[in-house]
Protein backbone atom coordinates (compact mmCIF):
# COMPACT_ATOMS: atom_id res chain seq x y z
CA MET A 1 12.40 -3.36 -40.95
CA ALA A 2 9.07 -3.25 -42.77
CA ARG A 3 6.28 -1.50 -40.95
CA THR A 4 3.31 -3.67 -40.04
CA ARG A 5 0.09 -2.62 -41.71
CA THR A 6 -3.09 -2.73 -39.63
CA SER A 7 -6.63 -1.45 -39.78
CA GLY A 8 -6.73 -1.76 -36.00
CA PHE A 9 -6.43 2.01 -35.56
CA HIS A 10 -9.68 2.40 -37.46
CA ALA A 11 -11.33 -0.28 -35.30
CA ILE A 12 -10.16 1.45 -32.11
CA SER A 13 -11.40 4.85 -33.27
CA TRP A 14 -14.76 3.45 -34.39
CA ILE A 15 -15.37 1.59 -31.13
CA GLU A 16 -14.43 4.56 -28.94
CA THR A 17 -16.61 6.89 -31.04
CA HIS A 18 -19.77 4.79 -31.26
CA CYS A 19 -19.80 2.23 -28.44
CA VAL A 20 -20.58 2.72 -24.75
CA PHE A 21 -20.08 0.72 -21.59
CA THR A 22 -23.13 -1.33 -20.65
CA LYS A 23 -22.61 -2.15 -16.97
CA GLY A 24 -20.84 -1.31 -13.75
CA ASP A 25 -19.62 2.12 -12.72
CA PHE A 26 -19.09 3.18 -16.35
CA ILE A 27 -22.52 2.32 -17.76
CA GLY A 28 -23.54 4.70 -20.54
CA LEU A 29 -20.12 6.34 -20.80
CA PRO A 30 -18.13 6.23 -24.04
CA PHE A 31 -16.14 3.02 -24.48
CA ARG A 32 -12.48 3.57 -23.64
CA LEU A 33 -10.25 0.67 -24.56
CA LEU A 34 -7.52 -0.37 -22.15
CA PRO A 35 -3.93 -0.67 -23.40
CA TRP A 36 -4.07 -4.47 -23.70
CA GLN A 37 -7.32 -4.26 -25.67
CA LYS A 38 -5.81 -1.73 -28.08
CA ARG A 39 -2.74 -3.89 -28.62
CA LEU A 40 -4.98 -6.88 -29.25
CA LEU A 41 -7.05 -5.03 -31.86
CA LEU A 42 -3.98 -3.65 -33.60
CA GLU A 43 -2.66 -7.18 -33.95
CA LEU A 44 -6.03 -8.72 -34.81
CA PHE A 45 -6.54 -6.37 -37.77
CA THR A 46 -3.06 -6.75 -39.23
CA THR A 47 -3.36 -6.78 -43.03
CA ARG A 48 -1.51 -8.78 -45.66
CA ASP A 49 0.14 -7.43 -48.80
CA ASP A 50 -3.11 -7.94 -50.73
CA GLY A 51 -5.00 -5.76 -48.24
CA LEU A 52 -6.98 -8.61 -46.69
CA ARG A 53 -6.86 -9.23 -42.94
CA ARG A 54 -4.14 -11.65 -41.89
CA TYR A 55 -5.95 -13.41 -39.05
CA ARG A 56 -9.00 -15.58 -39.64
CA TRP A 57 -8.83 -17.29 -36.24
CA ALA A 58 -8.21 -15.85 -32.79
CA TYR A 59 -7.99 -17.47 -29.38
CA VAL A 60 -8.17 -14.86 -26.60
CA SER A 61 -7.95 -16.09 -23.01
CA VAL A 62 -7.86 -13.85 -19.94
CA PRO A 63 -9.26 -14.27 -16.40
CA LYS A 64 -12.78 -13.26 -15.42
CA LYS A 65 -13.66 -9.60 -14.86
CA ASN A 66 -11.08 -8.26 -17.30
CA GLY A 67 -13.64 -6.88 -19.75
CA LYS A 68 -13.48 -9.49 -22.50
CA THR A 69 -17.28 -9.74 -22.91
CA GLU A 70 -17.70 -6.00 -23.49
CA LEU A 71 -14.74 -6.06 -25.87
CA ALA A 72 -16.28 -8.93 -27.82
CA ALA A 73 -19.59 -7.06 -28.07
CA ALA A 74 -17.88 -3.92 -29.36
CA LEU A 75 -15.87 -6.00 -31.84
CA ALA A 76 -19.06 -7.68 -33.10
CA LEU A 77 -20.63 -4.28 -33.77
CA TYR A 78 -17.52 -3.03 -35.55
CA LEU A 79 -17.53 -6.10 -37.81
CA LEU A 80 -21.26 -5.56 -38.41
CA ILE A 81 -21.15 -1.85 -39.18
CA GLY A 82 -17.68 -0.32 -39.21
CA ALA A 83 -15.40 -2.80 -40.99
CA GLY A 84 -16.93 -2.33 -44.43
CA ASP A 85 -17.53 -6.05 -45.04
CA SER A 86 -20.14 -7.00 -47.64
CA ALA A 87 -23.42 -8.34 -46.23
CA PRO A 88 -21.88 -9.02 -42.83
CA TRP A 89 -23.48 -11.88 -40.91
CA ILE A 90 -22.13 -12.12 -37.37
CA VAL A 91 -23.01 -14.80 -34.84
CA CYS A 92 -22.53 -14.49 -31.07
CA ALA A 93 -22.46 -18.08 -29.89
CA ALA A 94 -22.10 -19.74 -26.50
CA ALA A 95 -22.80 -23.00 -24.70
CA SER A 96 -26.25 -21.87 -23.50
CA ASP A 97 -28.89 -19.22 -24.19
CA ASP A 98 -27.93 -17.33 -21.04
CA GLN A 99 -24.25 -17.31 -21.93
CA ALA A 100 -24.92 -16.34 -25.55
CA ASP A 101 -26.97 -13.45 -24.24
CA LEU A 102 -23.95 -11.95 -22.47
CA VAL A 103 -22.11 -10.84 -25.61
CA PHE A 104 -25.24 -10.32 -27.71
CA GLY A 105 -27.02 -8.55 -24.84
CA ALA A 106 -24.06 -6.21 -24.35
CA ALA A 107 -24.04 -5.43 -28.09
CA LYS A 108 -27.79 -4.81 -28.04
CA THR A 109 -27.51 -2.49 -25.02
CA MET A 110 -24.68 -0.59 -26.73
CA CYS A 111 -26.95 -0.03 -29.72
CA GLU A 112 -29.79 1.17 -27.50
CA MET A 113 -27.61 3.54 -25.42
CA SER A 114 -25.30 4.87 -28.14
CA PRO A 115 -26.42 8.19 -29.67
CA THR A 116 -25.26 7.06 -33.12
CA LEU A 117 -25.88 3.29 -33.13
CA SER A 118 -29.41 3.72 -31.79
CA LEU A 119 -30.28 5.61 -34.98
CA ILE A 120 -28.96 3.10 -37.52
CA THR A 121 -29.76 -0.29 -35.95
CA THR A 122 -32.94 -2.26 -35.43
CA ARG A 123 -32.93 -4.49 -32.36
CA TYR A 124 -34.89 -7.70 -31.94
CA GLU A 125 -34.88 -10.36 -29.23
CA SER A 126 -32.09 -12.38 -30.81
CA GLU A 127 -30.99 -10.30 -33.78
CA ILE A 128 -29.69 -6.84 -34.66
CA THR A 129 -29.99 -5.55 -38.21
CA VAL A 130 -28.72 -2.45 -40.02
CA PRO A 131 -31.29 -1.36 -42.64
CA THR A 132 -28.77 0.78 -44.52
CA ILE A 133 -26.35 -2.16 -44.98
CA PRO A 134 -27.93 -4.92 -47.13
CA GLY A 135 -27.81 -8.31 -45.46
CA ALA A 136 -26.19 -7.03 -42.26
CA ARG A 137 -27.24 -8.90 -39.16
CA LEU A 138 -25.89 -9.89 -35.76
CA GLN A 139 -27.46 -12.99 -34.22
CA ARG A 140 -27.44 -14.77 -30.88
CA VAL A 141 -26.95 -18.54 -31.04
CA ALA A 142 -26.75 -21.17 -28.31
CA ALA A 143 -24.57 -24.21 -28.86
CA VAL A 144 -27.37 -26.68 -29.60
CA ALA A 145 -26.50 -29.42 -32.07
CA GLY A 146 -28.39 -29.35 -35.36
CA THR A 147 -28.95 -25.60 -35.53
CA ASN A 148 -27.60 -23.17 -38.09
CA ASP A 149 -26.41 -25.83 -40.53
CA GLY A 150 -24.67 -24.39 -43.57
CA PRO A 151 -24.62 -20.63 -42.82
CA ASN A 152 -22.49 -18.22 -44.84
CA LEU A 153 -21.04 -16.30 -41.93
CA SER A 154 -18.54 -13.46 -41.94
CA ALA A 155 -17.64 -13.80 -38.25
CA VAL A 156 -18.31 -16.10 -35.31
CA ILE A 157 -17.83 -14.85 -31.74
CA CYS A 158 -17.46 -17.90 -29.49
CA ASP A 159 -17.94 -16.91 -25.86
CA GLU A 160 -16.50 -18.91 -22.92
CA LEU A 161 -15.23 -21.67 -25.17
CA HIS A 162 -14.29 -23.83 -22.17
CA GLU A 163 -18.00 -24.53 -21.67
CA TRP A 164 -18.41 -26.01 -25.17
CA THR A 165 -18.06 -29.59 -23.97
CA GLY A 166 -19.21 -32.99 -25.14
CA THR A 167 -20.56 -33.98 -28.53
CA ARG A 168 -23.01 -31.10 -28.61
CA GLY A 169 -20.36 -28.43 -28.15
CA GLU A 170 -18.06 -30.10 -30.68
CA ASN A 171 -20.80 -30.39 -33.31
CA VAL A 172 -21.96 -26.80 -33.07
CA TRP A 173 -18.40 -25.48 -33.10
CA ASN A 174 -17.77 -27.46 -36.28
CA VAL A 175 -20.98 -26.23 -37.94
CA LEU A 176 -20.40 -22.57 -37.11
CA THR A 177 -16.71 -22.50 -37.98
CA ASN A 178 -17.43 -24.35 -41.22
CA GLY A 179 -19.82 -21.52 -42.04
CA VAL A 180 -17.02 -18.98 -42.55
CA ILE A 181 -15.23 -20.93 -45.27
CA ASN A 182 -16.77 -19.01 -48.20
CA ARG A 183 -15.73 -15.57 -46.96
CA ARG A 184 -12.33 -14.08 -47.90
CA GLN A 185 -12.25 -11.95 -44.73
CA SER A 186 -13.95 -14.17 -42.20
CA LEU A 187 -13.06 -14.31 -38.51
CA VAL A 188 -13.56 -16.89 -35.77
CA PHE A 189 -13.00 -14.95 -32.54
CA GLN A 190 -12.88 -17.24 -29.48
CA ILE A 191 -12.86 -15.79 -25.97
CA THR A 192 -12.63 -17.79 -22.78
CA THR A 193 -11.19 -18.31 -19.36
CA ALA A 194 -9.22 -21.48 -18.67
CA GLY A 195 -10.92 -24.87 -18.53
CA TYR A 196 -10.12 -28.20 -16.91
CA ASP A 197 -10.61 -30.76 -19.69
CA ARG A 198 -7.99 -30.56 -22.45
CA ASP A 199 -9.84 -33.15 -24.53
CA THR A 200 -12.34 -30.53 -25.73
CA VAL A 201 -12.56 -27.90 -28.45
CA CYS A 202 -11.23 -25.32 -26.02
CA GLY A 203 -8.41 -27.56 -24.82
CA ARG A 204 -7.22 -28.18 -28.37
CA GLN A 205 -7.45 -24.50 -29.28
CA TYR A 206 -5.50 -23.63 -26.12
CA ASP A 207 -2.79 -26.17 -26.94
CA LYS A 208 -2.50 -24.71 -30.43
CA ALA A 209 -2.33 -21.15 -29.09
CA LYS A 210 0.39 -22.09 -26.61
CA ALA A 211 2.40 -23.84 -29.32
CA ILE A 212 2.21 -20.69 -31.47
CA ILE A 213 3.23 -18.48 -28.54
CA GLU A 214 6.14 -20.78 -27.68
CA GLY A 215 7.29 -20.91 -31.30
CA THR A 216 6.83 -24.63 -31.86
CA LEU A 217 3.96 -24.13 -34.35
CA ASP A 218 3.57 -21.66 -37.19
CA ASP A 219 0.08 -20.67 -38.33
CA PRO A 220 0.05 -17.15 -39.83
CA ALA A 221 -3.77 -17.03 -39.83
CA PHE A 222 -4.17 -17.83 -36.11
CA LEU A 223 -3.84 -15.13 -33.43
CA ALA A 224 -2.95 -16.48 -30.00
CA TYR A 225 -3.44 -14.22 -26.99
CA VAL A 226 -3.20 -15.91 -23.59
CA VAL A 227 -2.64 -14.16 -20.26
CA GLU A 228 -2.17 -16.64 -17.42
CA ALA A 229 -0.28 -16.97 -14.16
CA ASP A 230 2.94 -18.94 -14.12
CA PRO A 231 2.06 -22.38 -12.66
CA ARG A 232 5.08 -22.07 -10.32
CA ALA A 233 4.05 -18.64 -9.00
CA ASP A 234 2.47 -18.16 -5.58
CA PRO A 235 -1.27 -17.47 -6.08
CA ARG A 236 -1.26 -15.46 -2.85
CA ASP A 237 1.30 -13.02 -4.23
CA ARG A 238 -0.06 -9.77 -5.62
CA VAL A 239 2.56 -9.87 -8.37
CA THR A 240 1.10 -13.19 -9.56
CA TRP A 241 -2.39 -11.76 -9.69
CA GLU A 242 -1.31 -8.59 -11.49
CA ALA A 243 0.66 -10.54 -14.10
CA ALA A 244 -2.42 -12.61 -14.96
CA ASN A 245 -4.98 -9.77 -15.02
CA PRO A 246 -4.35 -7.15 -17.73
CA SER A 247 -7.22 -4.98 -16.43
CA ALA A 248 -5.96 -5.03 -12.83
CA GLY A 249 -6.95 -1.90 -10.96
CA VAL A 250 -9.59 -0.91 -13.53
CA THR A 251 -12.18 -3.69 -13.77
CA THR A 252 -10.73 -6.18 -11.29
CA PHE A 253 -9.24 -5.42 -7.89
CA TRP A 254 -6.77 -7.01 -5.48
CA ASP A 255 -8.99 -6.84 -2.40
CA ARG A 256 -11.81 -8.61 -4.26
CA TYR A 257 -9.36 -11.27 -5.41
CA VAL A 258 -8.19 -11.83 -1.84
CA GLU A 259 -11.83 -12.41 -0.85
CA GLN A 260 -12.19 -15.03 -3.59
CA LEU A 261 -8.92 -16.64 -2.50
CA ALA A 262 -10.27 -17.08 1.02
CA GLN A 263 -13.67 -18.42 -0.01
CA LYS A 264 -13.17 -20.54 -3.15
CA PRO A 265 -11.51 -23.93 -3.78
CA GLU A 266 -8.10 -23.99 -5.42
CA ASN A 267 -9.26 -25.02 -8.89
CA VAL A 268 -11.86 -22.25 -9.00
CA VAL A 269 -9.30 -19.58 -8.10
CA ARG A 270 -6.73 -20.90 -10.53
CA ARG A 271 -9.12 -21.25 -13.46
CA TYR A 272 -11.25 -18.16 -13.17
CA PHE A 273 -8.98 -15.58 -11.57
CA LEU A 274 -5.48 -16.66 -12.65
CA ASN A 275 -6.53 -18.26 -15.97
CA GLN A 276 -4.69 -21.51 -15.27
CA TRP A 277 -5.88 -24.80 -16.72
CA THR A 278 -6.55 -27.44 -14.09
CA GLU A 279 -6.85 -31.21 -14.37
CA ALA A 280 -10.24 -31.48 -12.67
CA GLU A 281 -13.32 -29.33 -12.13
CA GLU A 282 -13.12 -29.71 -8.38
CA ALA A 283 -10.08 -29.89 -6.12
CA TRP A 284 -9.49 -32.30 -3.25
CA LEU A 285 -6.46 -30.40 -1.95
CA PRO A 286 -6.22 -26.81 -0.70
CA LEU A 287 -4.64 -24.18 -2.91
CA GLY A 288 -0.93 -24.83 -3.43
CA ALA A 289 -0.75 -27.78 -1.02
CA TRP A 290 0.95 -30.21 -3.41
CA GLU A 291 3.42 -27.64 -4.71
CA ALA A 292 4.31 -26.72 -1.11
CA CYS A 293 5.55 -30.31 -0.66
CA ARG A 294 8.04 -29.98 -3.50
CA ALA A 295 11.50 -30.83 -2.11
CA PRO A 296 13.72 -32.36 -4.80
CA GLN A 297 16.74 -32.02 -2.53
CA VAL A 298 15.22 -34.64 -0.15
CA ASP A 299 15.92 -37.98 -1.81
CA LEU A 300 15.29 -41.62 -1.02
CA ASP A 301 17.84 -43.32 1.22
CA PRO A 302 18.76 -46.83 0.01
CA THR A 303 19.55 -47.92 3.58
CA LEU A 304 16.06 -47.17 4.90
CA PRO A 305 12.77 -49.10 4.40
CA VAL A 306 10.49 -48.29 1.50
CA HIS A 307 6.83 -49.03 0.77
CA VAL A 308 5.64 -49.26 -2.82
CA GLY A 309 2.13 -48.63 -4.14
CA ILE A 310 1.19 -50.25 -7.46
CA ASP A 311 -1.84 -49.21 -9.51
CA ALA A 312 -1.66 -51.24 -12.72
CA SER A 313 -3.82 -51.27 -15.82
CA ARG A 314 -3.70 -53.70 -18.70
CA THR A 315 -5.67 -51.74 -21.28
CA HIS A 316 -6.66 -48.10 -21.71
CA ASP A 317 -5.74 -46.49 -18.40
CA ALA A 318 -2.37 -45.54 -16.90
CA SER A 319 -0.19 -47.53 -14.50
CA ALA A 320 1.89 -46.22 -11.63
CA VAL A 321 4.51 -47.38 -9.16
CA VAL A 322 5.07 -44.93 -6.30
CA ILE A 323 7.80 -45.43 -3.71
CA SER A 324 7.30 -43.95 -0.24
CA GLN A 325 9.90 -43.79 2.48
CA ARG A 326 9.20 -42.52 5.97
CA LEU A 327 12.18 -40.54 7.21
CA PRO A 328 13.11 -40.55 10.91
CA ASN A 329 11.67 -37.02 11.24
CA GLY A 330 8.23 -38.22 10.12
CA ARG A 331 8.35 -36.78 6.60
CA THR A 332 7.65 -39.17 3.71
CA VAL A 333 9.71 -39.02 0.52
CA GLN A 334 7.89 -40.08 -2.66
CA ARG A 335 9.15 -40.93 -6.13
CA ALA A 336 6.98 -42.17 -8.99
CA ARG A 337 7.21 -44.06 -12.24
CA ILE A 338 4.09 -43.66 -14.37
CA TRP A 339 3.15 -45.14 -17.75
CA GLU A 340 0.25 -43.63 -19.72
CA ASN A 341 -1.60 -44.65 -22.86
CA PRO A 342 0.23 -42.59 -25.52
CA TYR A 343 -2.87 -42.20 -27.70
CA PRO A 344 -5.67 -39.71 -26.91
CA VAL A 345 -9.28 -40.73 -26.37
CA GLY A 346 -10.95 -40.90 -29.78
CA ASP A 347 -7.84 -42.16 -31.58
CA PRO A 348 -8.52 -45.76 -32.73
CA ARG A 349 -5.11 -46.77 -31.39
CA HIS A 350 -6.19 -45.74 -27.87
CA ASP A 351 -8.48 -48.76 -27.49
CA GLU A 352 -5.93 -51.11 -29.07
CA TRP A 353 -3.03 -50.15 -26.80
CA ARG A 354 -2.00 -52.59 -24.07
CA MET A 355 0.35 -52.08 -21.15
CA ASP A 356 3.13 -54.67 -20.94
CA LEU A 357 2.90 -55.75 -17.31
CA THR A 358 6.45 -57.07 -17.41
CA THR A 359 7.53 -53.41 -17.52
CA ILE A 360 5.89 -52.89 -14.12
CA GLU A 361 7.30 -56.17 -12.82
CA ASN A 362 10.81 -55.06 -13.83
CA ALA A 363 10.30 -51.70 -12.12
CA CYS A 364 9.36 -53.53 -8.91
CA LEU A 365 12.44 -55.77 -9.20
CA ASP A 366 14.58 -52.66 -9.61
CA VAL A 367 13.16 -51.27 -6.36
CA PHE A 368 13.68 -54.62 -4.62
CA ASP A 369 17.33 -54.74 -5.66
CA ALA A 370 18.00 -51.08 -4.79
CA TYR A 371 16.48 -51.16 -1.28
CA GLN A 372 17.58 -54.51 0.12
CA ALA A 373 19.80 -52.79 2.70
CA GLY A 374 16.72 -51.49 4.47
CA ALA A 375 15.19 -54.96 4.62
CA LEU A 376 18.16 -57.11 5.48
CA LYS A 377 18.84 -55.40 8.80
CA ALA A 378 15.19 -55.31 9.83
CA PRO A 379 13.40 -57.61 12.30
CA ASP A 380 11.03 -60.15 10.81
CA ALA A 381 7.32 -59.45 10.44
CA LYS A 382 4.70 -61.93 9.32
CA ASP A 383 1.58 -60.23 8.02
CA TRP A 384 0.57 -57.15 6.03
CA GLU A 385 -0.77 -55.32 9.08
CA ASP A 386 2.75 -55.37 10.54
CA PRO A 387 4.66 -55.11 7.24
CA LEU A 388 8.35 -55.56 6.69
CA PRO A 389 10.21 -52.24 6.86
CA GLY A 390 10.90 -52.65 3.16
CA PRO A 391 10.58 -53.22 0.44
CA ALA A 392 6.86 -53.98 0.75
CA PHE A 393 4.71 -53.86 -2.40
CA TYR A 394 0.97 -53.07 -2.16
CA TYR A 395 -1.20 -53.94 -5.16
CA ASP A 396 -4.79 -54.43 -6.29
CA PRO A 397 -5.15 -58.14 -7.14
CA TRP A 398 -7.85 -57.50 -9.75
CA ARG A 399 -5.33 -56.21 -12.30
CA PHE A 400 -2.00 -57.45 -11.02
CA ASP A 401 -2.61 -60.86 -9.44
CA ARG A 402 -0.59 -62.95 -11.89
CA SER A 403 2.32 -60.50 -11.88
CA ALA A 404 2.22 -60.47 -8.07
CA GLU A 405 2.63 -64.24 -8.01
CA VAL A 406 5.62 -64.00 -10.33
CA LEU A 407 7.22 -61.35 -8.12
CA ARG A 408 6.38 -63.22 -4.94
CA GLY A 409 8.19 -66.18 -6.38
CA LYS A 410 11.28 -64.00 -6.76
CA GLY A 411 11.26 -63.06 -3.10
CA LEU A 412 9.27 -59.83 -3.10
CA ASN A 413 6.92 -59.04 -0.20
CA MET A 414 3.68 -58.63 -2.16
CA VAL A 415 0.67 -57.40 -0.15
CA GLU A 416 -2.89 -57.53 -1.54
CA VAL A 417 -4.84 -54.30 -1.07
CA PRO A 418 -8.17 -54.54 -2.95
CA GLN A 419 -9.29 -51.06 -3.99
CA THR A 420 -12.49 -51.14 -1.99
CA ASP A 421 -13.86 -48.12 -0.15
CA ALA A 422 -12.92 -49.75 3.18
CA ARG A 423 -9.28 -50.01 2.15
CA LEU A 424 -8.83 -46.88 0.04
CA ALA A 425 -10.73 -44.35 2.17
CA PRO A 426 -8.28 -44.51 5.12
CA ALA A 427 -5.32 -44.33 2.74
CA CYS A 428 -6.70 -41.33 0.81
CA MET A 429 -7.68 -39.45 3.95
CA ALA A 430 -4.26 -40.09 5.49
CA TYR A 431 -2.59 -38.95 2.26
CA PHE A 432 -4.57 -35.71 2.44
CA ASP A 433 -3.28 -35.10 5.96
CA LEU A 434 0.30 -35.84 4.90
CA ILE A 435 0.13 -33.39 1.99
CA VAL A 436 -1.65 -30.59 3.84
CA GLY A 437 0.75 -31.02 6.76
CA ARG A 438 3.69 -30.79 4.33
CA ARG A 439 4.91 -34.19 5.43
CA ILE A 440 5.31 -35.40 1.84
CA ALA A 441 8.55 -34.58 -0.01
CA HIS A 442 8.28 -35.01 -3.81
CA ASP A 443 10.58 -33.99 -6.63
CA GLY A 444 8.07 -31.98 -8.67
CA ASP A 445 7.41 -34.74 -11.21
CA PRO A 446 4.88 -33.07 -13.58
CA VAL A 447 3.17 -36.36 -14.47
CA LEU A 448 2.57 -37.25 -10.83
CA ALA A 449 1.38 -33.68 -10.22
CA ARG A 450 -1.12 -34.07 -13.05
CA HIS A 451 -2.45 -37.32 -11.57
CA ILE A 452 -2.78 -35.64 -8.16
CA ALA A 453 -4.65 -32.72 -9.73
CA SER A 454 -6.94 -35.00 -11.78
CA ALA A 455 -8.33 -36.75 -8.71
CA VAL A 456 -11.55 -35.63 -7.04
CA ARG A 457 -13.06 -36.49 -3.69
CA LYS A 458 -15.90 -39.01 -3.45
CA ASP A 459 -17.75 -39.36 -0.15
CA VAL A 460 -18.36 -43.00 0.80
CA SER A 461 -20.01 -42.28 4.16
CA ASP A 462 -20.72 -39.39 6.49
CA ARG A 463 -17.14 -39.54 7.78
CA ALA A 464 -15.09 -41.13 5.01
CA TRP A 465 -14.11 -40.34 1.44
CA ARG A 466 -11.75 -41.64 -1.21
CA LEU A 467 -10.21 -40.40 -4.45
CA THR A 468 -11.81 -41.06 -7.81
CA LYS A 469 -11.81 -39.51 -11.26
CA ARG A 470 -14.69 -37.65 -12.80
CA VAL A 471 -13.50 -37.00 -16.35
CA LYS A 472 -13.03 -39.85 -18.81
CA GLY A 473 -9.49 -40.00 -20.11
CA LYS A 474 -7.95 -38.39 -17.03
CA HIS A 475 -5.44 -40.37 -15.01
CA ILE A 476 -5.27 -40.64 -11.21
CA ASP A 477 -3.25 -43.84 -10.91
CA GLY A 478 -0.25 -41.97 -9.50
CA ALA A 479 -2.47 -40.45 -6.82
CA ILE A 480 -3.91 -43.85 -5.83
CA ALA A 481 -0.48 -45.51 -5.73
CA GLY A 482 0.88 -42.55 -3.79
CA ALA A 483 -1.95 -42.73 -1.27
CA MET A 484 -1.43 -46.46 -0.70
CA SER A 485 2.33 -46.33 -0.30
CA GLY A 486 2.26 -43.13 1.76
CA TYR A 487 -0.34 -44.56 4.09
CA PHE A 488 1.48 -47.84 4.70
CA ALA A 489 4.82 -46.07 5.12
CA GLN A 490 3.25 -44.16 8.00
CA GLN A 491 1.37 -47.17 9.40
CA ALA A 492 4.38 -49.46 9.64
CA ASN A 493 5.01 -50.77 13.16
CA PRO A 494 6.81 -47.94 15.00
CA VAL A 495 8.71 -50.42 17.16
CA VAL A 496 10.10 -52.06 14.03
CA LEU A 497 10.93 -48.71 12.41
CA ARG A 498 12.53 -47.34 15.56
CA SER A 499 14.75 -50.41 15.70
CA VAL A 500 15.82 -49.99 12.08
CA TYR A 501 16.49 -46.26 12.35
CA GLU A 502 18.28 -46.36 15.69
CA ASP A 503 20.42 -49.20 14.38
CA ARG A 504 21.66 -46.63 11.87
CA GLY A 505 22.17 -43.94 14.46
CA LEU A 506 19.04 -42.00 13.42
CA ALA A 507 16.57 -40.49 15.89
CA TYR A 508 13.00 -41.71 15.33
CA THR A 509 10.16 -39.21 15.96
């Protein structure tokens, strides 16, 4: 087997000889790279047969407090001074001036505190130069659209890429990364913790990195390094934390993590301390609550009543049909069918796509046919407040009125539930209680889980709230349909339900 060539050993030696730590307990001491940092540098500086560096792009994602900012600062100085590049022009870029100052500020402090670097560098407010190396400069740049058009850069350090959002972040990322095209040994080095919006620069770079790691994409010039917790792992388990934090026990500590776990919302813990991508910036459920309700072995019973929530869309959004069935023990089984726009936001086909509502109508007819046993043996009921044990279908008339009339004509019990605050708030709040109390049993459907995670809480009064979405392009239709059907499954007349269950020899609680 051929031996891999790398100049990473030189980079490691240079950094540990000339750089120092700039904060914490180690401030002023010589920089000592951790094992994961050494392995990363050895891979990053792999060379090709022609002697040039293999990687021109790198995506490096680890949780907070693992030392990635200091590493990026040391790397920037090595590329400026130690790598031997001609007229090196390095940019430390971030979404804001304050963020850009983290990497640049660390590099500047290293130069000021290092016995060797302090002698050969000149430090300014937003630039570091090396008088003995013609053209050498390290600059701080904030991601503000319209700046730094057309630079001839040798390296771009993009810090906390998940914060490069919106048109501004996209534009500046394009400008800066376009600036390295004229260099034979350029590098775009992107460091970040996980984000929550995959329709961003960071989300697309993460998806590419994961595809490379999983072997479904080949890009020899792109280095993918992602350390994240398994989404199925228990976030309260020390093994989970250690697996996601390569600097565990050195720069980040278990007892501090436990404090964060107790004080922070689920999405914050998952994103920043386990490096897991989430579907929303804020969470409406406690940490692990939805996953704790996973029970694929508990299935729907065709002889018992069901309640069906329908959240339909004709154009750009998703549509969902969620079946809920209250078991005699009080637990509610849920199963979902969800249809999403197959084209991403920004693709011209996204706005042209239309949902065929007959697909949803047919799904409802399938439920009606499959669960007639639960309805045929049930006592009669006459209005939606005392609904039939099943099947009962709850829908928003604004999008589904015509289809509801068609289904009603075929014998289905169609119940109008306009998605007003007055109607949805009780359903969403009850759904929260069901999930937190582990009285929902779902099969782990990843699409439904994504819709649940994409929803955020919106207060509609001092005492009431409902679910909504905050990010364009995210889908919460499964969560809304699940809340409606789960709520009505629990609200059904207990006298009626008791009669149905006891008729089948089941104890009602």
